């Protein structure tokens, strides 16, 4: 697992900028309420030097251990974590239709949450048949909200949201989202914005930026 992550930036850029990119995170929405979209007031400040004094220092971050569950109290999310990688087409995998579709998933070529680097967790916003999915309310999050990730080593990595933003899928700001801040950070990603009936995908991605502030 660790060996594969040395190519994390390369592989994730391939996933984002391929034809379908991370648009595969969502499936066509037929008839239901629109998912919340982040307002400008939730954008926050994403400069690493301005993430606040609560951030865990780099010499205190956790060693690598796979994440197993995520909890986001502000939007009522409690989910086991699946593991996803890349498809044969070099796009980021997402939970497939079936019993685990509505669970969030850790992109296994990113650092584990709580370790140094930008960990990535993705989740569907909805489905045609099932309606709202695990990250339907991601756009409702605001700076200061907590995200807790339970790991296989027994630790819980506690993150605080720095900002919530929506980006067009093309061009997608890969360095901003996936680049190494020098700290232990977390990115939660789902689809958002308008829906393109012609392609069956949303036009934007909602991204939550969060920083490790505690280890339980």
Foldseek 3Di string as FASTA:
>chain_A
DQVLLVCVLVLLVLQLPFPCHPLVQEFFADDDDAFAAADPQQAFDQQLVPQDPLFDAQVPFDDAFAWFWKAFVVVGATATEAEWEADPSSHTDADDPDDCQQHKYWDVSFTHQRHFFETEIEHEQAYHPGGGGRCSHVSVDGFQTWMWIAGPVGKIFIKTWRGKHKAFSVPDPSCSRGNGSRARKYKYKYAHDDADPVVRGGGIMIITIIGTRDMD
